[in-house]
Amino acid sequence: MAPKGTLPVLLLLLCCVHWGFCGKVLVWPCEMSHWLNLEIILDELAAKGHEVTVLTNTESVLVDYRKPSALNFEVVQVPPERKMSLEALSDLFVNVIPTLSFWQASSKFQGLFFHNTGQFVTLCRNTVYNQSLVRKLQKTKYDVMVIDPVIPCGQLVAELLEIPFVLTLRISMGGIIEKYCGQLPAPPSYVPVSLGGLTDRMTFMERVKNMIFAFFFDFWLPQYDFRFWDQFYSEVLGRPTTLCETLGKAEIWLIRTYWDFDFPHPYLPNFEFVGGLHCKPAKPLPKEMEEFVQSSGEDGVVVFSLGSMITNLTEKKANIIASALAQVPQKVLWRYKGKTPATLGSNTRIFDWLPQNDLLGHPHTKAFITHGGTNGIYEAIYHGVPMVGIPMFFDQHDNMARMKAKGAAVEVNMNTMTSADLLGALRTVINDPSYKENVMRLSRIHHDQPVKPLDRAVFWIEFVMRHKGAKHLRVATHDLTWLQYHSLDVIAFLLACVAVPIFLVVKCCLFSCRKCDKTGKKKKRE
């Protein structure tokens, strides 16, 4: 008889034999929807027998290191920070920023970034200067590190431990990380700058706007943040370096979009698109919720959620929304934690939480009202549900611009909308069959892939583990200077090659003319 506790080990070894190897994965996560997306990849890696360790901290919001899990956790102690509550963030994004001009809103965002930088620095210092933790991580000999670059420092840890790393992200502020650190080409003539809310089919004035946004994000917004991290990284590594140089060493970039969602644009061999990796077939709804959905009859239901960050609305806005929802024949399931609006209709039921994916996959669902988060949009694409978008911040305007351009959504402005606006948008996506047809076309594109997005993400992480990196996919532009990348040195050389002979010929001609002139004058005097 095998000793007690041997069976789990044997099962793990059999799993390792089946998949070829078991590796060790270190993870630097981010919060909110980023973690929800990343956790799915990590659970899949753990299920395949890999040892997955997450570097988290005592102030983490969603990464719960106390609950039982297939993942391991290394917890970094950080002092309690004076950070904004979800309620305060909700008020800032819903009620304050939409009322400001672009430049005022940008200033607000920059102030928020500077505040967050202070928190990130504390976390990073307590990680890289914790000698016992660093020694423990070095001793473990990890095969790969998976990093969400929204919170800096993960790639610095990977550099200290000399571990190849994989980045996972949707999009960075202004796309500057992908553009400058990943060397991803982004011609502003048809690649819209992120957060601009533009499409790839721009008018002349929209291209002017896109160029202004490009200069704004490239030269103003990131300057303080990048300069600080450049200095910090150089201090920790003991040699001159930059944030971008370190990020540029990523073996693979896992981008959480795909061509069902995004506009066609240039990409590189080490960029892989894994949008919708969290989507899955719908499960049965809770009994009470299923009864409410079934009571809608042929009219069906509308699912309404503004995501986890928007916890409350002003009484006025809540009543505007409730009044619009009360006028549709569909039953409405609304995720909302605020005070019950006075105009709430009998067809609308409020919930603290919704099984969003399962509701969107229900055959009775006719439309999805969303804030435009990537995860929610992908669930709507996966199940083929047309959308009404109410974007408010970050990438949400970009996301809805894509859905509008593809004919799968109608957008309304949270700051200016009336009940009539929301009601009109909802009736349009439900009653105009083109919206359902367009979103079903996107759904077919999403499902018609040779490899599922989650499997693709896991494959490339394991690929880096097996081959100790993926340097053969990394373009040489990482080793070029700005002058070399744009061939300015070559252009200067070629211009010189043309200019020097012309200069010499002109000089010779002038010299000959002067000589002839002097000879002529001399003969004339004689």
Protein backbone atom coordinates (compact mmCIF):
# COMPACT_ATOMS: atom_id res chain seq x y z
CA MET A 1 0.00 0.00 0.00
CA ALA A 2 1.30 3.45 -0.90
CA PRO A 3 2.09 5.77 2.01
CA LYS A 4 -0.52 8.34 2.93
CA GLY A 5 -0.30 11.49 0.78
CA THR A 6 1.43 9.71 -2.12
CA LEU A 7 -1.63 9.65 -4.41
CA PRO A 8 -1.82 13.44 -5.03
CA VAL A 9 1.90 13.48 -5.84
CA LEU A 10 1.53 10.56 -8.26
CA LEU A 11 -1.41 12.27 -9.96
CA LEU A 12 0.65 15.44 -10.34
CA LEU A 13 3.55 13.47 -11.80
CA LEU A 14 1.21 11.72 -14.25
CA CYS A 15 -0.09 15.15 -15.29
CA CYS A 16 3.49 16.30 -15.82
CA VAL A 17 4.30 13.23 -17.91
CA HIS A 18 1.15 13.73 -20.00
CA TRP A 19 1.94 17.35 -20.79
CA GLY A 20 5.69 16.83 -21.16
CA PHE A 21 6.93 18.84 -18.16
CA CYS A 22 5.92 20.76 -15.07
CA GLY A 23 7.32 24.23 -14.63
CA LYS A 24 7.37 27.00 -12.08
CA VAL A 25 5.52 30.23 -12.85
CA LEU A 26 5.88 33.50 -10.96
CA VAL A 27 3.14 36.12 -11.40
CA TRP A 28 2.97 39.90 -10.97
CA PRO A 29 -0.75 40.75 -11.17
CA CYS A 30 -2.92 43.86 -11.37
CA GLU A 31 -6.30 44.49 -9.75
CA MET A 32 -9.95 44.58 -10.81
CA SER A 33 -10.90 43.12 -14.22
CA HIS A 34 -7.21 42.57 -15.03
CA TRP A 35 -6.92 40.03 -12.22
CA LEU A 36 -10.21 38.32 -13.11
CA ASN A 37 -8.82 37.77 -16.62
CA LEU A 38 -5.35 36.69 -15.52
CA GLU A 39 -6.64 34.33 -12.84
CA ILE A 40 -8.29 32.17 -15.51
CA ILE A 41 -4.92 31.64 -17.24
CA LEU A 42 -3.24 30.84 -13.91
CA ASP A 43 -5.93 28.32 -12.93
CA GLU A 44 -5.44 26.59 -16.28
CA LEU A 45 -1.66 26.47 -15.77
CA ALA A 46 -2.15 25.04 -12.28
CA ALA A 47 -4.61 22.46 -13.61
CA LYS A 48 -1.93 21.29 -16.06
CA GLY A 49 0.47 20.63 -13.18
CA HIS A 50 2.55 23.82 -13.14
CA GLU A 51 3.51 25.39 -9.84
CA VAL A 52 2.07 28.91 -9.92
CA THR A 53 3.09 31.54 -7.36
CA VAL A 54 1.46 34.97 -7.24
CA LEU A 55 3.32 37.95 -5.80
CA THR A 56 0.62 39.94 -4.03
CA ASN A 57 0.47 42.42 -1.16
CA THR A 58 -1.39 42.93 2.09
CA GLU A 59 -3.44 45.80 0.61
CA SER A 60 -4.69 43.88 -2.44
CA VAL A 61 -8.38 44.36 -3.27
CA LEU A 62 -9.24 41.23 -5.28
CA VAL A 63 -6.24 38.89 -4.95
CA ASP A 64 -7.41 36.97 -1.89
CA TYR A 65 -4.40 35.03 -0.68
CA ARG A 66 -6.24 33.72 2.39
CA LYS A 67 -8.81 31.51 0.63
CA PRO A 68 -7.96 27.93 -0.44
CA SER A 69 -6.57 27.92 -3.97
CA ALA A 70 -4.55 25.88 -6.45
CA LEU A 71 -2.25 28.92 -6.60
CA ASN A 72 0.55 29.74 -4.19
CA PHE A 73 1.03 33.25 -2.82
CA GLU A 74 4.03 35.28 -1.72
CA VAL A 75 2.66 38.22 0.23
CA VAL A 76 4.56 41.51 0.34
CA GLN A 77 3.88 43.62 3.42
CA VAL A 78 2.91 47.19 2.61
CA PRO A 79 1.59 49.87 4.98
CA PRO A 80 -2.08 50.85 4.62
CA GLU A 81 -2.24 53.58 2.00
CA ARG A 82 -4.62 56.49 1.76
CA LYS A 83 -6.23 55.26 -1.43
CA MET A 84 -9.51 56.25 -2.97
CA SER A 85 -12.47 54.01 -2.17
CA LEU A 86 -14.52 52.50 -4.98
CA GLU A 87 -17.29 54.96 -4.09
CA ALA A 88 -14.89 57.92 -4.47
CA LEU A 89 -13.52 56.55 -7.76
CA SER A 90 -17.05 55.97 -8.99
CA ASP A 91 -18.00 59.57 -8.19
CA LEU A 92 -14.84 60.89 -9.87
CA PHE A 93 -15.37 58.98 -13.10
CA VAL A 94 -19.16 59.28 -13.34
CA ASN A 95 -19.92 62.71 -11.92
CA VAL A 96 -16.72 64.78 -12.09
CA ILE A 97 -14.56 63.90 -15.10
CA PRO A 98 -17.41 63.85 -17.69
CA THR A 99 -18.15 67.52 -16.87
CA LEU A 100 -14.56 68.64 -17.57
CA SER A 101 -12.84 69.64 -20.79
CA PHE A 102 -10.33 67.23 -22.36
CA TRP A 103 -7.36 69.12 -20.87
CA GLN A 104 -8.97 69.43 -17.43
CA ALA A 105 -9.84 65.73 -17.45
CA SER A 106 -6.27 64.93 -18.53
CA SER A 107 -4.94 66.93 -15.61
CA LYS A 108 -7.23 65.00 -13.25
CA PHE A 109 -6.04 61.70 -14.70
CA GLN A 110 -2.40 62.78 -14.36
CA GLY A 111 -2.96 63.68 -10.71
CA LEU A 112 -4.50 60.24 -10.15
CA PHE A 113 -1.52 58.58 -11.87
CA PHE A 114 0.95 60.49 -9.68
CA HIS A 115 -0.97 59.40 -6.59
CA ASN A 116 -0.94 55.77 -7.77
CA THR A 117 2.78 56.01 -8.57
CA GLY A 118 3.47 56.68 -4.89
CA GLN A 119 1.59 53.52 -3.92
CA PHE A 120 3.32 51.46 -6.61
CA VAL A 121 6.74 52.70 -5.49
CA THR A 122 6.08 51.54 -1.93
CA LEU A 123 5.04 48.11 -3.17
CA CYS A 124 8.04 47.88 -5.49
CA ARG A 125 10.56 48.97 -2.83
CA ASN A 126 9.14 46.49 -0.32
CA THR A 127 9.53 43.75 -2.94
CA VAL A 128 12.94 44.32 -4.54
CA TYR A 129 14.66 45.46 -1.33
CA ASN A 130 13.28 42.55 0.70
CA GLN A 131 16.45 40.44 0.61
CA SER A 132 14.93 37.35 2.21
CA LEU A 133 12.08 37.35 -0.32
CA VAL A 134 14.44 37.88 -3.27
CA ARG A 135 16.71 35.07 -2.09
CA LYS A 136 13.71 32.77 -1.68
CA LEU A 137 12.50 33.57 -5.20
CA GLN A 138 16.00 33.07 -6.62
CA LYS A 139 16.31 29.71 -4.86
CA THR A 140 12.99 28.51 -6.34
CA LYS A 141 14.37 28.94 -9.89
CA TYR A 142 11.22 29.92 -11.75
CA ASP A 143 10.93 29.08 -15.45
CA VAL A 144 8.82 32.07 -16.49
CA MET A 145 7.19 35.16 -15.04
CA VAL A 146 3.75 36.39 -16.14
CA ILE A 147 3.34 40.14 -15.68
CA ASP A 148 0.56 42.69 -15.97
CA PRO A 149 2.58 45.86 -16.77
CA VAL A 150 -0.14 48.29 -15.63
CA ILE A 151 1.55 48.20 -12.20
CA PRO A 152 5.30 48.75 -12.75
CA CYS A 153 7.95 46.57 -11.08
CA GLY A 154 7.08 43.07 -12.32
CA GLN A 155 9.62 43.24 -15.14
CA LEU A 156 12.20 44.63 -12.67
CA VAL A 157 11.68 41.56 -10.47
CA ALA A 158 12.08 39.33 -13.54
CA GLU A 159 15.32 41.12 -14.44
CA LEU A 160 16.67 40.71 -10.90
CA LEU A 161 15.81 37.00 -10.91
CA GLU A 162 16.97 36.56 -14.53
CA ILE A 163 13.65 34.97 -15.54
CA PRO A 164 12.15 35.24 -19.04
CA PHE A 165 8.80 36.98 -18.82
CA VAL A 166 5.47 37.27 -20.64
CA LEU A 167 3.33 40.43 -20.55
CA THR A 168 -0.47 40.38 -20.51
CA LEU A 169 -2.52 43.53 -21.14
CA ARG A 170 -5.47 45.03 -23.02
CA ILE A 171 -3.89 48.36 -23.91
CA SER A 172 -1.68 50.91 -22.16
CA MET A 173 -2.35 54.62 -21.68
CA GLY A 174 -2.12 56.06 -25.18
CA GLY A 175 -0.62 52.76 -26.37
CA ILE A 176 2.84 54.08 -25.46
CA ILE A 177 4.07 50.85 -23.83
CA GLU A 178 3.30 48.74 -26.90
CA LYS A 179 4.53 51.45 -29.28
CA TYR A 180 7.83 52.40 -27.64
CA CYS A 181 8.66 49.47 -25.37
CA GLY A 182 7.30 46.70 -27.59
CA GLN A 183 8.24 48.52 -30.85
CA LEU A 184 4.76 47.91 -32.27
CA PRO A 185 4.24 50.03 -35.41
CA ALA A 186 1.31 52.46 -35.04
CA PRO A 187 0.90 54.79 -38.06
CA PRO A 188 -1.38 57.61 -36.82
CA SER A 189 -2.99 57.87 -40.26
CA TYR A 190 -5.15 54.79 -39.58
CA VAL A 191 -4.23 53.42 -36.12
CA PRO A 192 -6.29 55.39 -33.57
CA VAL A 193 -4.48 56.43 -30.40
CA SER A 194 -6.03 54.66 -27.43
CA LEU A 195 -8.45 56.67 -25.28
CA GLY A 196 -9.26 58.92 -28.25
CA GLY A 197 -12.52 57.16 -29.12
CA LEU A 198 -11.65 57.16 -32.84
CA THR A 199 -11.91 54.44 -35.50
CA ASP A 200 -9.50 53.34 -38.23
CA ARG A 201 -11.57 55.27 -40.82
CA MET A 202 -10.75 58.86 -39.90
CA THR A 203 -11.65 62.10 -41.60
CA PHE A 204 -8.96 64.75 -42.05
CA MET A 205 -9.93 66.53 -38.82
CA GLU A 206 -10.05 63.22 -36.95
CA ARG A 207 -6.52 62.49 -38.16
CA VAL A 208 -5.51 65.91 -36.85
CA LYS A 209 -7.12 64.99 -33.52
CA ASN A 210 -5.36 61.61 -33.55
CA MET A 211 -1.99 63.28 -34.15
CA ILE A 212 -2.58 65.72 -31.29
CA PHE A 213 -3.47 62.81 -29.00
CA ALA A 214 -0.30 61.01 -30.11
CA PHE A 215 1.88 64.01 -29.19
CA PHE A 216 -0.02 64.42 -25.93
CA PHE A 217 0.51 60.85 -24.77
CA ASP A 218 4.06 60.60 -26.14
CA PHE A 219 5.53 63.80 -24.75
CA TRP A 220 3.44 65.17 -21.91
CA LEU A 221 1.45 62.63 -19.91
CA PRO A 222 4.13 59.95 -19.27
CA GLN A 223 7.15 62.17 -18.78
CA TYR A 224 7.17 62.35 -14.97
CA ASP A 225 6.19 58.71 -14.53
CA PHE A 226 8.71 57.33 -17.02
CA ARG A 227 11.60 59.48 -15.77
CA PHE A 228 10.98 58.39 -12.21
CA TRP A 229 10.86 54.67 -13.05
CA ASP A 230 13.92 54.96 -15.30
CA GLN A 231 15.88 56.29 -12.34
CA PHE A 232 14.43 53.72 -9.93
CA TYR A 233 15.18 50.76 -12.22
CA SER A 234 18.75 51.99 -12.75
CA GLU A 235 19.21 52.35 -8.99
CA VAL A 236 17.96 48.82 -8.26
CA LEU A 237 19.90 47.11 -11.08
CA GLY A 238 23.07 49.12 -10.52
CA ARG A 239 23.40 50.11 -14.17
CA PRO A 240 21.80 52.68 -16.47
CA THR A 241 18.52 51.40 -17.90
CA THR A 242 14.96 52.52 -18.55
CA LEU A 243 11.46 51.24 -17.92
CA CYS A 244 10.95 50.81 -21.66
CA GLU A 245 14.22 48.94 -22.16
CA THR A 246 13.25 46.49 -19.43
CA LEU A 247 9.70 46.05 -20.72
CA GLY A 248 11.09 45.55 -24.21
CA LYS A 249 12.78 42.34 -23.06
CA ALA A 250 9.39 40.61 -22.86
CA GLU A 251 9.41 37.31 -24.73
CA ILE A 252 5.69 37.37 -25.61
CA TRP A 253 2.98 40.04 -25.38
CA LEU A 254 -0.47 38.54 -24.75
CA ILE A 255 -2.95 41.18 -25.93
CA ARG A 256 -6.50 40.71 -24.67
CA THR A 257 -8.24 41.53 -27.97
CA TYR A 258 -8.74 39.83 -31.34
CA TRP A 259 -9.90 40.82 -34.83
CA ASP A 260 -13.54 40.27 -33.90
CA PHE A 261 -13.10 43.23 -31.55
CA ASP A 262 -10.20 45.35 -32.77
CA PHE A 263 -9.42 47.16 -36.02
CA PRO A 264 -6.75 45.63 -38.31
CA HIS A 265 -3.33 47.10 -37.56
CA PRO A 266 0.34 46.06 -37.79
CA TYR A 267 1.64 43.62 -35.22
CA LEU A 268 4.86 41.69 -34.52
CA PRO A 269 5.64 37.95 -34.24
CA ASN A 270 5.88 38.09 -30.42
CA PHE A 271 2.43 39.70 -30.08
CA GLU A 272 -0.37 37.16 -29.59
CA PHE A 273 -4.07 38.06 -29.41
CA VAL A 274 -6.09 36.23 -26.77
CA GLY A 275 -9.26 38.33 -26.47
CA GLY A 276 -12.23 36.59 -24.89
CA LEU A 277 -10.19 33.90 -23.17
CA HIS A 278 -12.51 34.16 -20.15
CA CYS A 279 -15.69 33.48 -22.15
CA LYS A 280 -17.46 30.15 -21.76
CA PRO A 281 -20.85 28.54 -22.39
CA ALA A 282 -23.66 29.73 -20.14
CA LYS A 283 -24.57 27.77 -17.02
CA PRO A 284 -28.11 27.49 -15.59
CA LEU A 285 -29.29 30.56 -13.69
CA PRO A 286 -30.29 30.54 -10.01
CA LYS A 287 -33.91 29.37 -9.65
CA GLU A 288 -35.44 32.76 -8.72
CA MET A 289 -33.55 34.56 -11.50
CA GLU A 290 -34.54 31.91 -14.07
CA GLU A 291 -38.20 32.31 -13.10
CA PHE A 292 -37.96 36.08 -13.58
CA VAL A 293 -36.32 35.61 -17.00
CA GLN A 294 -38.92 33.06 -18.09
CA SER A 295 -41.72 35.42 -17.05
CA SER A 296 -40.61 37.81 -19.82
CA GLY A 297 -42.19 35.61 -22.49
CA GLU A 298 -41.39 36.45 -26.11
CA ASP A 299 -40.26 39.99 -25.24
CA GLY A 300 -37.18 38.64 -23.50
CA VAL A 301 -34.86 40.41 -21.07
CA VAL A 302 -32.28 43.20 -20.98
CA VAL A 303 -29.10 42.79 -18.91
CA PHE A 304 -27.69 46.00 -17.41
CA SER A 305 -24.33 46.35 -15.65
CA LEU A 306 -21.85 49.22 -15.36
CA GLY A 307 -19.08 46.98 -14.00
CA SER A 308 -17.54 46.52 -10.57
CA MET A 309 -16.03 50.01 -10.23
CA ILE A 310 -19.30 51.94 -10.58
CA THR A 311 -20.99 51.26 -7.27
CA ASN A 312 -23.36 54.20 -7.19
CA LEU A 313 -24.98 56.92 -9.30
CA THR A 314 -26.50 60.26 -8.42
CA GLU A 315 -30.20 60.11 -7.64
CA LYS A 316 -30.94 62.12 -10.77
CA LYS A 317 -29.03 59.78 -13.10
CA ALA A 318 -30.46 56.67 -11.46
CA ASN A 319 -33.99 58.00 -12.00
CA ILE A 320 -33.23 58.88 -15.64
CA ILE A 321 -32.05 55.32 -16.26
CA ALA A 322 -34.89 53.68 -14.32
CA SER A 323 -37.48 55.78 -16.16
CA ALA A 324 -36.14 54.62 -19.54
CA LEU A 325 -36.02 50.97 -18.50
CA ALA A 326 -39.61 51.14 -17.23
CA GLN A 327 -40.84 51.92 -20.76
CA VAL A 328 -39.56 48.82 -22.55
CA PRO A 329 -41.66 45.63 -22.81
CA GLN A 330 -38.67 43.50 -21.81
CA LYS A 331 -37.88 42.48 -18.24
CA VAL A 332 -34.67 44.12 -17.01
CA LEU A 333 -32.01 42.73 -14.67
CA TRP A 334 -29.95 45.64 -13.33
CA ARG A 335 -26.79 45.28 -11.28
CA TYR A 336 -26.90 48.27 -8.93
CA LYS A 337 -25.99 48.90 -5.28
CA GLY A 338 -27.35 52.41 -4.82
CA LYS A 339 -30.63 53.71 -3.47
CA THR A 340 -33.66 52.32 -5.30
CA PRO A 341 -34.78 54.95 -7.85
CA ALA A 342 -38.26 56.41 -7.43
CA THR A 343 -38.98 55.82 -11.15
CA LEU A 344 -38.12 52.11 -11.05
CA GLY A 345 -40.63 50.15 -13.16
CA SER A 346 -42.31 46.87 -12.29
CA ASN A 347 -40.41 45.23 -15.16
CA THR A 348 -37.02 46.02 -13.60
CA ARG A 349 -35.33 44.07 -10.84
CA ILE A 350 -32.17 45.27 -9.09
CA PHE A 351 -29.41 42.88 -8.00
CA ASP A 352 -26.16 43.38 -6.07
CA TRP A 353 -24.50 40.87 -8.39
CA LEU A 354 -25.37 39.23 -11.71
CA PRO A 355 -24.06 36.03 -13.34
CA GLN A 356 -23.34 38.17 -16.40
CA ASN A 357 -21.93 35.51 -18.71
CA ASP A 358 -24.78 33.11 -17.94
CA LEU A 359 -27.40 35.82 -18.51
CA LEU A 360 -25.85 36.93 -21.81
CA GLY A 361 -25.86 33.30 -22.93
CA HIS A 362 -29.55 32.86 -22.09
CA PRO A 363 -31.80 32.55 -25.19
CA HIS A 364 -34.22 35.15 -23.74
CA THR A 365 -31.59 37.94 -23.61
CA LYS A 366 -32.26 40.65 -26.23
CA ALA A 367 -29.75 43.38 -25.32
CA PHE A 368 -26.89 44.28 -22.99
CA ILE A 369 -26.46 47.75 -21.49
CA THR A 370 -22.77 48.07 -20.61
CA HIS A 371 -20.14 50.59 -19.54
CA GLY A 372 -17.91 49.22 -22.30
CA GLY A 373 -15.44 47.11 -20.32
CA THR A 374 -13.48 44.65 -22.45
CA ASN A 375 -14.58 41.57 -20.50
CA GLY A 376 -18.28 42.41 -20.76
CA ILE A 377 -18.08 43.27 -24.45
CA TYR A 378 -16.34 39.97 -25.17
CA GLU A 379 -19.06 38.04 -23.34
CA ALA A 380 -21.64 39.85 -25.48
CA ILE A 381 -19.68 38.99 -28.65
CA TYR A 382 -19.26 35.37 -27.53
CA HIS A 383 -23.03 34.96 -27.03
CA GLY A 384 -24.12 37.28 -29.86
CA VAL A 385 -25.95 39.99 -27.88
CA PRO A 386 -26.25 43.57 -29.27
CA MET A 387 -25.18 46.37 -26.93
CA VAL A 388 -26.04 49.83 -25.67
CA GLY A 389 -22.83 51.44 -24.46
CA ILE A 390 -22.50 54.05 -21.70
CA PRO A 391 -18.70 54.51 -21.62
CA MET A 392 -17.16 56.65 -18.89
CA PHE A 393 -13.38 56.26 -18.57
CA PHE A 394 -10.13 54.54 -19.59
CA ASP A 395 -10.52 52.29 -22.66
CA GLN A 396 -14.33 52.21 -22.59
CA HIS A 397 -14.82 54.94 -25.23
CA ASP A 398 -12.38 53.10 -27.51
CA ASN A 399 -14.15 49.81 -26.95
CA MET A 400 -17.56 51.25 -27.79
CA ALA A 401 -16.14 53.08 -30.84
CA ARG A 402 -15.12 49.66 -32.15
CA MET A 403 -18.52 48.11 -31.47
CA LYS A 404 -20.32 51.07 -33.10
CA ALA A 405 -18.05 50.89 -36.16
CA LYS A 406 -18.83 47.18 -36.49
CA GLY A 407 -22.58 47.84 -36.21
CA ALA A 408 -23.04 45.90 -32.96
CA ALA A 409 -23.84 48.74 -30.55
CA VAL A 410 -25.36 52.17 -29.99
CA GLU A 411 -23.64 54.63 -27.63
CA VAL A 412 -25.18 57.18 -25.27
CA ASN A 413 -23.40 59.84 -23.21
CA MET A 414 -23.71 59.31 -19.46
CA ASN A 415 -23.24 63.01 -18.75
CA THR A 416 -25.88 64.35 -21.14
CA MET A 417 -28.30 61.48 -21.74
CA THR A 418 -32.01 61.75 -21.08
CA SER A 419 -34.50 58.93 -20.55
CA ALA A 420 -35.50 59.37 -24.19
CA ASP A 421 -31.88 58.92 -25.33
CA LEU A 422 -31.42 55.66 -23.44
CA LEU A 423 -34.87 54.40 -24.43
CA GLY A 424 -34.23 55.20 -28.10
CA ALA A 425 -30.85 53.45 -28.06
CA LEU A 426 -32.31 50.37 -26.39
CA ARG A 427 -35.22 50.16 -28.82
CA THR A 428 -32.84 50.55 -31.75
CA VAL A 429 -30.57 47.60 -30.86
CA ILE A 430 -33.57 45.40 -30.01
CA ASN A 431 -35.85 46.24 -32.93
CA ASP A 432 -33.34 46.86 -35.74
CA PRO A 433 -32.28 43.36 -36.90
CA SER A 434 -28.97 44.65 -38.30
CA TYR A 435 -27.49 44.95 -34.79
CA LYS A 436 -28.25 41.32 -33.98
CA GLU A 437 -26.93 40.22 -37.38
CA ASN A 438 -23.70 42.20 -36.94
CA VAL A 439 -22.97 40.95 -33.46
CA MET A 440 -23.69 37.38 -34.57
CA ARG A 441 -21.16 37.86 -37.38
CA LEU A 442 -18.58 38.94 -34.77
CA SER A 443 -19.55 35.93 -32.67
CA ARG A 444 -18.95 33.56 -35.57
CA ILE A 445 -15.53 35.15 -36.17
CA HIS A 446 -14.68 34.76 -32.49
CA HIS A 447 -15.65 31.08 -32.40
CA ASP A 448 -13.98 30.28 -35.74
CA GLN A 449 -10.37 30.16 -34.50
CA PRO A 450 -7.94 27.24 -34.92
CA VAL A 451 -6.99 27.51 -31.24
CA LYS A 452 -9.13 28.81 -28.39
CA PRO A 453 -7.84 32.06 -26.84
CA LEU A 454 -7.19 30.48 -23.44
CA ASP A 455 -5.30 27.59 -25.00
CA ARG A 456 -3.26 30.06 -27.06
CA ALA A 457 -2.30 32.05 -23.96
CA VAL A 458 -1.28 28.93 -22.06
CA PHE A 459 0.64 27.57 -25.07
CA TRP A 460 2.85 30.65 -25.38
CA ILE A 461 3.60 30.76 -21.67
CA GLU A 462 4.62 27.11 -21.82
CA PHE A 463 6.57 27.79 -25.02
CA VAL A 464 8.69 30.36 -23.19
CA MET A 465 9.22 27.86 -20.37
CA ARG A 466 10.27 25.08 -22.72
CA HIS A 467 12.65 27.19 -24.80
CA LYS A 468 13.92 29.52 -22.06
CA GLY A 469 12.50 32.47 -23.97
CA ALA A 470 11.39 33.40 -27.47
CA LYS A 471 14.19 35.64 -28.68
CA HIS A 472 13.76 34.42 -32.27
CA LEU A 473 10.45 36.33 -32.38
CA ARG A 474 11.91 39.61 -31.09
CA VAL A 475 12.48 42.20 -33.81
CA ALA A 476 15.92 43.82 -34.17
CA THR A 477 14.48 47.30 -33.74
CA HIS A 478 14.92 46.88 -29.97
CA ASP A 479 18.67 47.21 -30.57
CA LEU A 480 18.44 50.29 -32.79
CA THR A 481 18.59 53.92 -31.78
CA TRP A 482 15.80 56.31 -32.71
CA LEU A 483 17.95 57.68 -35.57
CA GLN A 484 18.66 54.17 -36.87
CA TYR A 485 15.03 53.03 -36.57
CA HIS A 486 13.85 55.90 -38.77
CA SER A 487 16.92 55.51 -41.05
CA LEU A 488 17.82 59.15 -40.48
CA ASP A 489 21.53 58.27 -40.45
CA VAL A 490 21.15 56.49 -43.82
CA ILE A 491 19.16 59.40 -45.26
CA ALA A 492 21.81 61.82 -44.02
CA PHE A 493 24.55 59.67 -45.57
CA LEU A 494 22.74 59.44 -48.93
CA LEU A 495 22.07 63.17 -48.91
CA ALA A 496 25.74 63.73 -48.20
CA CYS A 497 26.69 61.38 -51.05
CA VAL A 498 24.59 63.53 -53.40
CA ALA A 499 25.38 66.89 -51.84
CA VAL A 500 29.19 66.50 -51.74
CA PRO A 501 29.63 65.81 -55.49
CA ILE A 502 27.19 68.63 -56.31
CA PHE A 503 29.11 70.91 -53.97
CA LEU A 504 32.42 69.93 -55.58
CA VAL A 505 31.05 70.38 -59.09
CA VAL A 506 29.63 73.79 -58.20
CA LYS A 507 32.91 74.79 -56.57
CA CYS A 508 34.87 73.63 -59.61
CA CYS A 509 32.54 75.53 -61.92
CA LEU A 510 32.84 78.67 -59.82
CA PHE A 511 36.60 78.27 -59.70
CA SER A 512 36.75 77.79 -63.48
CA CYS A 513 34.50 80.80 -64.03
CA ARG A 514 36.70 82.97 -61.82
CA LYS A 515 39.81 81.73 -63.58
CA CYS A 516 38.31 82.36 -66.99
CA ASP A 517 37.17 85.79 -65.85
CA LYS A 518 40.65 86.66 -64.61
CA THR A 519 42.25 85.35 -67.82
CA GLY A 520 39.82 87.39 -69.92
CA LYS A 521 40.53 90.55 -67.95
CA LYS A 522 44.28 89.98 -68.25
CA LYS A 523 44.06 89.55 -72.01
CA LYS A 524 41.92 92.65 -72.28
CA ARG A 525 44.48 94.73 -70.37
CA GLU A 526 47.23 93.42 -72.65
